[in-house]
């Protein structure tokens, strides 16, 4: 999985493949990157037993993405998509803001069409259907933290 994510990250910078990434970046973000950066039970256990390793992983995930683990490489792919695909930063920021609002205020899948129309196309995604609100919020915050330098450059998203 790590190698596939690294390859997808590398290919995002290739001009010949830009059309593919423009067409599929939303699905890659919602169905690949975000589910892979969710906090796992193993990470929660690690936090309780060895907080130093947990903090190291969190720091690497938010900064350099050098570790050869799925989470850091999923964030690396997310970062590369934002670097090379027009509209990706706007999409991810607005999607994450909507996910957080939904998780905090509603968390009822049936109300997505009326209250959260921006989430409607992704109502069947893993993050909405099978992720507890607490983990969903943590995932959104981690993604926003990891992409904060992209978002900070955009006054319309701050």
C-alpha atoms as a PDB file:
ATOM      1  CA  UNK A   1       0.000   0.000   0.000  1.00  0.00           C
ATOM      2  CA  UNK A   2       2.818   2.410   0.873  1.00  0.00           C
ATOM      3  CA  UNK A   3       4.434   1.863  -2.525  1.00  0.00           C
ATOM      4  CA  UNK A   4       1.143   2.498  -4.349  1.00  0.00           C
ATOM      5  CA  UNK A   5       0.624   5.745  -2.443  1.00  0.00           C
ATOM      6  CA  UNK A   6       4.182   6.838  -3.191  1.00  0.00           C
ATOM      7  CA  UNK A   7       3.666   6.098  -6.877  1.00  0.00           C
ATOM      8  CA  UNK A   8       0.393   8.029  -6.957  1.00  0.00           C
ATOM      9  CA  UNK A   9       2.159  10.960  -5.256  1.00  0.00           C
ATOM     10  CA  UNK A  10       4.996  10.893  -7.754  1.00  0.00           C
ATOM     11  CA  UNK A  11       2.652  10.655 -10.723  1.00  0.00           C
ATOM     12  CA  UNK A  12       0.600  13.639  -9.518  1.00  0.00           C
ATOM     13  CA  UNK A  13       3.453  15.916 -10.577  1.00  0.00           C
ATOM     14  CA  UNK A  14       3.571  14.557 -14.127  1.00  0.00           C
ATOM     15  CA  UNK A  15       1.970  16.951 -16.617  1.00  0.00           C
ATOM     16  CA  UNK A  16       0.921  14.049 -18.857  1.00  0.00           C
ATOM     17  CA  UNK A  17      -1.298  12.702 -16.079  1.00  0.00           C
ATOM     18  CA  UNK A  18      -2.780  15.984 -14.926  1.00  0.00           C
ATOM     19  CA  UNK A  19      -6.058  15.304 -16.716  1.00  0.00           C
ATOM     20  CA  UNK A  20      -6.448  12.044 -14.764  1.00  0.00           C
ATOM     21  CA  UNK A  21      -5.808  13.780 -11.444  1.00  0.00           C
ATOM     22  CA  UNK A  22      -8.145  16.655 -12.318  1.00  0.00           C
ATOM     23  CA  UNK A  23     -10.883  14.126 -13.117  1.00  0.00           C
ATOM     24  CA  UNK A  24     -10.354  11.870 -10.104  1.00  0.00           C
ATOM     25  CA  UNK A  25      -8.840  14.046  -7.359  1.00  0.00           C
ATOM     26  CA  UNK A  26     -12.061  14.322  -5.362  1.00  0.00           C
ATOM     27  CA  UNK A  27     -12.511  10.552  -5.298  1.00  0.00           C
ATOM     28  CA  UNK A  28      -8.839  10.010  -4.435  1.00  0.00           C
ATOM     29  CA  UNK A  29      -9.138  12.463  -1.553  1.00  0.00           C
ATOM     30  CA  UNK A  30     -12.437  11.178  -0.148  1.00  0.00           C
ATOM     31  CA  UNK A  31     -12.134   7.451  -0.828  1.00  0.00           C
ATOM     32  CA  UNK A  32      -8.380   6.889  -0.493  1.00  0.00           C
ATOM     33  CA  UNK A  33      -6.532   9.610   1.415  1.00  0.00           C
ATOM     34  CA  UNK A  34      -8.988  10.497   4.169  1.00  0.00           C
ATOM     35  CA  UNK A  35      -9.859   6.901   5.158  1.00  0.00           C
ATOM     36  CA  UNK A  36      -6.162   6.014   5.275  1.00  0.00           C
ATOM     37  CA  UNK A  37      -5.291   8.862   7.634  1.00  0.00           C
ATOM     38  CA  UNK A  38      -7.970   7.949  10.169  1.00  0.00           C
ATOM     39  CA  UNK A  39      -6.690   7.082  13.608  1.00  0.00           C
ATOM     40  CA  UNK A  40      -6.689   3.329  14.077  1.00  0.00           C
ATOM     41  CA  UNK A  41      -7.244   1.361  17.258  1.00  0.00           C
ATOM     42  CA  UNK A  42      -3.589   0.342  17.088  1.00  0.00           C
ATOM     43  CA  UNK A  43      -2.567   4.017  17.118  1.00  0.00           C
ATOM     44  CA  UNK A  44      -4.857   4.706  20.076  1.00  0.00           C
ATOM     45  CA  UNK A  45      -3.289   1.780  21.944  1.00  0.00           C
ATOM     46  CA  UNK A  46       0.166   3.027  20.989  1.00  0.00           C
ATOM     47  CA  UNK A  47      -0.735   6.486  22.315  1.00  0.00           C
ATOM     48  CA  UNK A  48      -1.651   4.981  25.659  1.00  0.00           C
ATOM     49  CA  UNK A  49       1.378   2.678  25.853  1.00  0.00           C
ATOM     50  CA  UNK A  50       4.070   4.703  24.091  1.00  0.00           C
ATOM     51  CA  UNK A  51       3.069   8.338  23.654  1.00  0.00           C
ATOM     52  CA  UNK A  52       6.506   9.271  22.267  1.00  0.00           C
ATOM     53  CA  UNK A  53       6.057   7.035  19.194  1.00  0.00           C
ATOM     54  CA  UNK A  54       2.538   8.372  18.703  1.00  0.00           C
ATOM     55  CA  UNK A  55       3.799  11.962  18.782  1.00  0.00           C
ATOM     56  CA  UNK A  56       6.631  11.083  16.380  1.00  0.00           C
ATOM     57  CA  UNK A  57       4.137   9.631  13.890  1.00  0.00           C
ATOM     58  CA  UNK A  58       1.844  12.645  14.262  1.00  0.00           C
ATOM     59  CA  UNK A  59       4.740  15.059  13.718  1.00  0.00           C
ATOM     60  CA  UNK A  60       5.949  13.176  10.644  1.00  0.00           C
ATOM     61  CA  UNK A  61       2.414  12.978   9.279  1.00  0.00           C
ATOM     62  CA  UNK A  62       1.901  16.724   9.608  1.00  0.00           C
ATOM     63  CA  UNK A  63       5.362  17.801   8.477  1.00  0.00           C
ATOM     64  CA  UNK A  64       7.671  15.716   6.322  1.00  0.00           C
ATOM     65  CA  UNK A  65       5.781  12.468   5.583  1.00  0.00           C
ATOM     66  CA  UNK A  66       9.051  10.494   5.542  1.00  0.00           C
ATOM     67  CA  UNK A  67       7.910   7.386   7.399  1.00  0.00           C
ATOM     68  CA  UNK A  68       7.128   4.391   5.236  1.00  0.00           C
ATOM     69  CA  UNK A  69       3.667   3.924   6.710  1.00  0.00           C
ATOM     70  CA  UNK A  70       0.277   4.195   5.067  1.00  0.00           C
ATOM     71  CA  UNK A  71      -0.877   7.234   7.050  1.00  0.00           C
ATOM     72  CA  UNK A  72       2.088   9.442   6.212  1.00  0.00           C
ATOM     73  CA  UNK A  73       2.067   8.430   2.565  1.00  0.00           C
ATOM     74  CA  UNK A  74      -1.679   9.118   2.279  1.00  0.00           C
ATOM     75  CA  UNK A  75      -1.037  12.636   3.586  1.00  0.00           C
ATOM     76  CA  UNK A  76       1.867  12.938   1.149  1.00  0.00           C
ATOM     77  CA  UNK A  77      -0.497  12.045  -1.710  1.00  0.00           C
ATOM     78  CA  UNK A  78      -3.027  14.564  -0.430  1.00  0.00           C
ATOM     79  CA  UNK A  79      -0.295  17.203  -0.348  1.00  0.00           C
ATOM     80  CA  UNK A  80       0.817  16.411  -3.908  1.00  0.00           C
ATOM     81  CA  UNK A  81      -2.740  16.543  -5.184  1.00  0.00           C
ATOM     82  CA  UNK A  82      -3.036  20.013  -3.653  1.00  0.00           C
ATOM     83  CA  UNK A  83       0.297  21.014  -5.211  1.00  0.00           C
ATOM     84  CA  UNK A  84      -0.548  19.935  -8.749  1.00  0.00           C
ATOM     85  CA  UNK A  85      -4.328  19.941  -9.230  1.00  0.00           C
ATOM     86  CA  UNK A  86      -6.182  23.219  -9.628  1.00  0.00           C
ATOM     87  CA  UNK A  87      -9.156  23.364  -7.294  1.00  0.00           C
ATOM     88  CA  UNK A  88      -7.929  20.640  -4.956  1.00  0.00           C
ATOM     89  CA  UNK A  89      -7.137  22.965  -2.050  1.00  0.00           C
ATOM     90  CA  UNK A  90     -10.577  24.576  -2.265  1.00  0.00           C
ATOM     91  CA  UNK A  91     -12.280  21.208  -2.498  1.00  0.00           C
ATOM     92  CA  UNK A  92     -10.426  19.619   0.413  1.00  0.00           C
ATOM     93  CA  UNK A  93     -10.841  22.643   2.693  1.00  0.00           C
ATOM     94  CA  UNK A  94     -14.557  22.979   2.010  1.00  0.00           C
ATOM     95  CA  UNK A  95     -15.085  19.220   2.233  1.00  0.00           C
ATOM     96  CA  UNK A  96     -13.295  19.014   5.579  1.00  0.00           C
ATOM     97  CA  UNK A  97     -15.183  22.013   6.979  1.00  0.00           C
ATOM     98  CA  UNK A  98     -18.487  20.406   5.917  1.00  0.00           C
ATOM     99  CA  UNK A  99     -17.473  17.059   7.417  1.00  0.00           C
ATOM    100  CA  UNK A 100     -16.612  18.708  10.730  1.00  0.00           C
ATOM    101  CA  UNK A 101     -19.853  20.660  10.844  1.00  0.00           C
ATOM    102  CA  UNK A 102     -21.836  17.525   9.998  1.00  0.00           C
ATOM    103  CA  UNK A 103     -19.972  15.501  12.635  1.00  0.00           C
ATOM    104  CA  UNK A 104     -20.480  18.091  15.353  1.00  0.00           C
ATOM    105  CA  UNK A 105     -24.046  19.189  14.653  1.00  0.00           C
ATOM    106  CA  UNK A 106     -25.913  16.403  12.940  1.00  0.00           C
ATOM    107  CA  UNK A 107     -24.276  13.036  12.269  1.00  0.00           C
ATOM    108  CA  UNK A 108     -27.433  11.743  10.611  1.00  0.00           C
ATOM    109  CA  UNK A 109     -26.781  10.402   7.108  1.00  0.00           C
ATOM    110  CA  UNK A 110     -30.408  11.009   6.092  1.00  0.00           C
ATOM    111  CA  UNK A 111     -30.026  14.768   6.596  1.00  0.00           C
ATOM    112  CA  UNK A 112     -27.062  15.142   4.250  1.00  0.00           C
ATOM    113  CA  UNK A 113     -29.119  15.990   1.135  1.00  0.00           C
ATOM    114  CA  UNK A 114     -30.994  18.818   2.844  1.00  0.00           C
ATOM    115  CA  UNK A 115     -28.458  20.177   5.345  1.00  0.00           C
ATOM    116  CA  UNK A 116     -25.070  19.267   3.824  1.00  0.00           C
ATOM    117  CA  UNK A 117     -25.496  19.196   0.032  1.00  0.00           C
ATOM    118  CA  UNK A 118     -21.743  19.451  -0.543  1.00  0.00           C
ATOM    119  CA  UNK A 119     -21.393  16.006   1.080  1.00  0.00           C
ATOM    120  CA  UNK A 120     -24.186  14.440  -0.957  1.00  0.00           C
ATOM    121  CA  UNK A 121     -21.927  13.014  -3.692  1.00  0.00           C
ATOM    122  CA  UNK A 122     -19.917  11.234  -1.000  1.00  0.00           C
ATOM    123  CA  UNK A 123     -22.717  10.116   1.320  1.00  0.00           C
ATOM    124  CA  UNK A 124     -21.718   6.471   0.851  1.00  0.00           C
ATOM    125  CA  UNK A 125     -18.025   6.976   1.568  1.00  0.00           C
ATOM    126  CA  UNK A 126     -16.296   5.122   4.387  1.00  0.00           C
ATOM    127  CA  UNK A 127     -15.662   8.272   6.393  1.00  0.00           C
ATOM    128  CA  UNK A 128     -19.386   9.101   6.581  1.00  0.00           C
ATOM    129  CA  UNK A 129     -20.858   5.601   6.768  1.00  0.00           C
ATOM    130  CA  UNK A 130     -18.465   3.697   8.989  1.00  0.00           C
ATOM    131  CA  UNK A 131     -16.399   6.167  10.985  1.00  0.00           C
ATOM    132  CA  UNK A 132     -17.398   7.417  14.441  1.00  0.00           C
ATOM    133  CA  UNK A 133     -17.782  11.211  14.657  1.00  0.00           C
ATOM    134  CA  UNK A 134     -14.810  11.554  17.027  1.00  0.00           C
ATOM    135  CA  UNK A 135     -12.458   9.774  14.586  1.00  0.00           C
ATOM    136  CA  UNK A 136     -13.968  11.695  11.668  1.00  0.00           C
ATOM    137  CA  UNK A 137     -13.243  14.996  13.430  1.00  0.00           C
ATOM    138  CA  UNK A 138      -9.703  13.926  14.281  1.00  0.00           C
ATOM    139  CA  UNK A 139      -9.169  12.949  10.641  1.00  0.00           C
ATOM    140  CA  UNK A 140     -10.400  16.325   9.429  1.00  0.00           C
ATOM    141  CA  UNK A 141      -8.191  18.197  11.886  1.00  0.00           C
ATOM    142  CA  UNK A 142      -5.165  16.112  10.951  1.00  0.00           C
ATOM    143  CA  UNK A 143      -5.761  16.743   7.248  1.00  0.00           C
ATOM    144  CA  UNK A 144      -6.233  20.486   7.835  1.00  0.00           C
ATOM    145  CA  UNK A 145      -3.087  20.634   9.942  1.00  0.00           C
ATOM    146  CA  UNK A 146      -1.124  18.743   7.300  1.00  0.00           C
ATOM    147  CA  UNK A 147      -2.324  21.109   4.577  1.00  0.00           C
ATOM    148  CA  UNK A 148      -2.276  24.286   6.647  1.00  0.00           C
ATOM    149  CA  UNK A 149       0.410  25.959   4.545  1.00  0.00           C
ATOM    150  CA  UNK A 150      -1.743  25.460   1.419  1.00  0.00           C
ATOM    151  CA  UNK A 151      -4.818  26.830   3.155  1.00  0.00           C
ATOM    152  CA  UNK A 152      -3.020  29.748   4.815  1.00  0.00           C
ATOM    153  CA  UNK A 153      -2.049  31.088   1.394  1.00  0.00           C
ATOM    154  CA  UNK A 154      -5.732  31.322   0.450  1.00  0.00           C
ATOM    155  CA  UNK A 155      -7.598  34.208   2.056  1.00  0.00           C
ATOM    156  CA  UNK A 156     -10.903  32.787   0.770  1.00  0.00           C
ATOM    157  CA  UNK A 157     -10.410  29.637   2.843  1.00  0.00           C
ATOM    158  CA  UNK A 158      -9.040  31.076   6.090  1.00  0.00           C
END
